[in-house]
Amino acid sequence: MVETLPPEPPESVPEFVDYKEVLATFNPMDIALIKSILDAEEITYFFQGEHFLHVRPLALPARLMVKIDQVEKAAEILKDLKLSFAGINVSKDTEENP
């Protein structure tokens, strides 16, 4: 028995990551294009509801969620992207509240 436990190694403690919505789309092709762009720029992201599009298309869009400290960079990269007719452009809230 020991009096106190040794500290946990830093890699075993999960890091809390805060995300913010940057844009939303109903189109799987938009998602694939956005993923390739953000992967190339090493931006941390995920699409909330991406796989739900196959179950109930056009019910709810897939929302691009970007790590909070990379939102401005992601929005800048994607601002001129021409999404499909079903796409919803970059959120105006992103520009006002980074």
C-alpha atoms as a PDB file:
ATOM      1  CA  MET A   1       0.000   0.000   0.000  1.00  0.00           C
ATOM      2  CA  VAL A   2       1.166   3.539  -0.729  1.00  0.00           C
ATOM      3  CA  GLU A   3       0.130   6.757   0.981  1.00  0.00           C
ATOM      4  CA  THR A   4      -0.556   8.638  -2.256  1.00  0.00           C
ATOM      5  CA  LEU A   5      -1.049   7.514  -5.811  1.00  0.00           C
ATOM      6  CA  PRO A   6       1.477   8.632  -8.402  1.00  0.00           C
ATOM      7  CA  PRO A   7       0.204  11.278 -10.844  1.00  0.00           C
ATOM      8  CA  GLU A   8      -1.350   9.997 -14.052  1.00  0.00           C
ATOM      9  CA  PRO A   9       0.743  10.406 -17.171  1.00  0.00           C
ATOM     10  CA  PRO A  10      -0.491  13.343 -19.292  1.00  0.00           C
ATOM     11  CA  GLU A  11      -1.415  11.160 -22.268  1.00  0.00           C
ATOM     12  CA  SER A  12      -3.925   9.176 -20.185  1.00  0.00           C
ATOM     13  CA  VAL A  13      -5.983  12.251 -19.269  1.00  0.00           C
ATOM     14  CA  PRO A  14      -8.484  13.092 -22.018  1.00  0.00           C
ATOM     15  CA  GLU A  15      -8.330  16.642 -23.295  1.00  0.00           C
ATOM     16  CA  PHE A  16     -11.568  18.629 -23.373  1.00  0.00           C
ATOM     17  CA  VAL A  17     -12.068  20.095 -26.828  1.00  0.00           C
ATOM     18  CA  ASP A  18     -14.712  22.739 -27.433  1.00  0.00           C
ATOM     19  CA  TYR A  19     -16.249  22.910 -30.910  1.00  0.00           C
ATOM     20  CA  LYS A  20     -18.330  25.508 -32.731  1.00  0.00           C
ATOM     21  CA  GLU A  21     -20.595  25.151 -35.757  1.00  0.00           C
ATOM     22  CA  VAL A  22     -19.163  26.757 -38.883  1.00  0.00           C
ATOM     23  CA  LEU A  23     -21.639  25.648 -41.547  1.00  0.00           C
ATOM     24  CA  ALA A  24     -24.257  23.056 -42.379  1.00  0.00           C
ATOM     25  CA  THR A  25     -25.170  21.139 -45.526  1.00  0.00           C
ATOM     26  CA  PHE A  26     -27.519  18.426 -46.721  1.00  0.00           C
ATOM     27  CA  ASN A  27     -25.206  17.293 -49.535  1.00  0.00           C
ATOM     28  CA  PRO A  28     -22.765  14.377 -49.020  1.00  0.00           C
ATOM     29  CA  MET A  29     -20.597  15.722 -51.860  1.00  0.00           C
ATOM     30  CA  ASP A  30     -20.175  19.011 -49.968  1.00  0.00           C
ATOM     31  CA  ILE A  31     -19.126  17.031 -46.906  1.00  0.00           C
ATOM     32  CA  ALA A  32     -16.495  15.074 -48.863  1.00  0.00           C
ATOM     33  CA  LEU A  33     -15.073  18.275 -50.396  1.00  0.00           C
ATOM     34  CA  ILE A  34     -14.974  20.108 -47.054  1.00  0.00           C
ATOM     35  CA  LYS A  35     -13.297  17.133 -45.362  1.00  0.00           C
ATOM     36  CA  SER A  36     -10.534  17.035 -47.973  1.00  0.00           C
ATOM     37  CA  ILE A  37      -9.907  20.783 -47.620  1.00  0.00           C
ATOM     38  CA  LEU A  38      -9.849  20.770 -43.810  1.00  0.00           C
ATOM     39  CA  ASP A  39      -7.727  17.606 -43.632  1.00  0.00           C
ATOM     40  CA  ALA A  40      -5.135  19.261 -45.891  1.00  0.00           C
ATOM     41  CA  GLU A  41      -5.063  22.275 -43.541  1.00  0.00           C
ATOM     42  CA  GLU A  42      -4.840  20.033 -40.431  1.00  0.00           C
ATOM     43  CA  ILE A  43      -7.973  21.531 -38.876  1.00  0.00           C
ATOM     44  CA  THR A  44      -9.709  19.535 -36.132  1.00  0.00           C
ATOM     45  CA  TYR A  45     -13.388  19.037 -37.009  1.00  0.00           C
ATOM     46  CA  PHE A  46     -16.272  16.595 -37.241  1.00  0.00           C
ATOM     47  CA  PHE A  47     -19.654  16.565 -38.961  1.00  0.00           C
ATOM     48  CA  GLN A  48     -22.498  16.246 -36.491  1.00  0.00           C
ATOM     49  CA  GLY A  49     -25.328  14.204 -38.035  1.00  0.00           C
ATOM     50  CA  GLU A  50     -23.351  13.233 -41.144  1.00  0.00           C
ATOM     51  CA  HIS A  51     -24.537   9.628 -41.157  1.00  0.00           C
ATOM     52  CA  PHE A  52     -28.092  10.599 -40.246  1.00  0.00           C
ATOM     53  CA  LEU A  53     -28.428  12.089 -43.757  1.00  0.00           C
ATOM     54  CA  HIS A  54     -28.728   8.545 -45.123  1.00  0.00           C
ATOM     55  CA  VAL A  55     -31.622   7.685 -42.819  1.00  0.00           C
ATOM     56  CA  ARG A  56     -33.717  10.851 -43.175  1.00  0.00           C
ATOM     57  CA  PRO A  57     -32.396  13.013 -46.026  1.00  0.00           C
ATOM     58  CA  LEU A  58     -33.282  16.703 -45.777  1.00  0.00           C
ATOM     59  CA  ALA A  59     -34.628  16.303 -42.221  1.00  0.00           C
ATOM     60  CA  LEU A  60     -31.614  17.918 -40.544  1.00  0.00           C
ATOM     61  CA  PRO A  61     -28.380  19.094 -42.145  1.00  0.00           C
ATOM     62  CA  ALA A  62     -24.961  17.739 -41.243  1.00  0.00           C
ATOM     63  CA  ARG A  63     -23.269  20.452 -39.179  1.00  0.00           C
ATOM     64  CA  LEU A  64     -19.558  21.147 -39.507  1.00  0.00           C
ATOM     65  CA  MET A  65     -18.148  21.494 -36.008  1.00  0.00           C
ATOM     66  CA  VAL A  66     -14.624  22.961 -35.778  1.00  0.00           C
ATOM     67  CA  LYS A  67     -12.301  23.158 -32.781  1.00  0.00           C
ATOM     68  CA  ILE A  68     -12.971  26.566 -31.205  1.00  0.00           C
ATOM     69  CA  ASP A  69      -9.441  27.925 -31.675  1.00  0.00           C
ATOM     70  CA  GLN A  70      -9.505  27.034 -35.390  1.00  0.00           C
ATOM     71  CA  VAL A  71     -12.940  28.465 -36.274  1.00  0.00           C
ATOM     72  CA  GLU A  72     -11.640  31.669 -37.839  1.00  0.00           C
ATOM     73  CA  LYS A  73      -9.099  29.808 -39.968  1.00  0.00           C
ATOM     74  CA  ALA A  74     -11.705  27.284 -41.139  1.00  0.00           C
ATOM     75  CA  ALA A  75     -14.240  30.005 -41.930  1.00  0.00           C
ATOM     76  CA  GLU A  76     -11.617  31.917 -43.920  1.00  0.00           C
ATOM     77  CA  ILE A  77     -10.657  28.807 -45.902  1.00  0.00           C
ATOM     78  CA  LEU A  78     -14.283  27.889 -46.654  1.00  0.00           C
ATOM     79  CA  LYS A  79     -15.734  31.367 -47.199  1.00  0.00           C
ATOM     80  CA  ASP A  80     -15.485  31.291 -51.017  1.00  0.00           C
ATOM     81  CA  LEU A  81     -16.521  27.655 -51.340  1.00  0.00           C
ATOM     82  CA  LYS A  82     -19.508  27.228 -53.634  1.00  0.00           C
ATOM     83  CA  LEU A  83     -21.716  24.676 -51.933  1.00  0.00           C
ATOM     84  CA  SER A  84     -24.549  22.854 -53.669  1.00  0.00           C
ATOM     85  CA  PHE A  85     -28.058  24.264 -53.846  1.00  0.00           C
ATOM     86  CA  ALA A  86     -28.839  22.350 -50.645  1.00  0.00           C
ATOM     87  CA  GLY A  87     -25.862  23.786 -48.799  1.00  0.00           C
ATOM     88  CA  ILE A  88     -26.120  26.460 -46.164  1.00  0.00           C
ATOM     89  CA  ASN A  89     -23.346  29.042 -46.300  1.00  0.00           C
ATOM     90  CA  VAL A  90     -20.819  29.822 -43.570  1.00  0.00           C
ATOM     91  CA  SER A  91     -22.591  30.923 -40.428  1.00  0.00           C
ATOM     92  CA  LYS A  92     -22.733  34.694 -39.916  1.00  0.00           C
ATOM     93  CA  ASP A  93     -22.405  34.021 -36.175  1.00  0.00           C
ATOM     94  CA  THR A  94     -18.862  32.740 -36.816  1.00  0.00           C
ATOM     95  CA  GLU A  95     -17.725  36.169 -37.936  1.00  0.00           C
ATOM     96  CA  GLU A  96     -19.360  37.995 -35.040  1.00  0.00           C
ATOM     97  CA  ASN A  97     -18.439  35.610 -32.191  1.00  0.00           C
ATOM     98  CA  PRO A  98     -15.167  33.779 -32.921  1.00  0.00           C
END
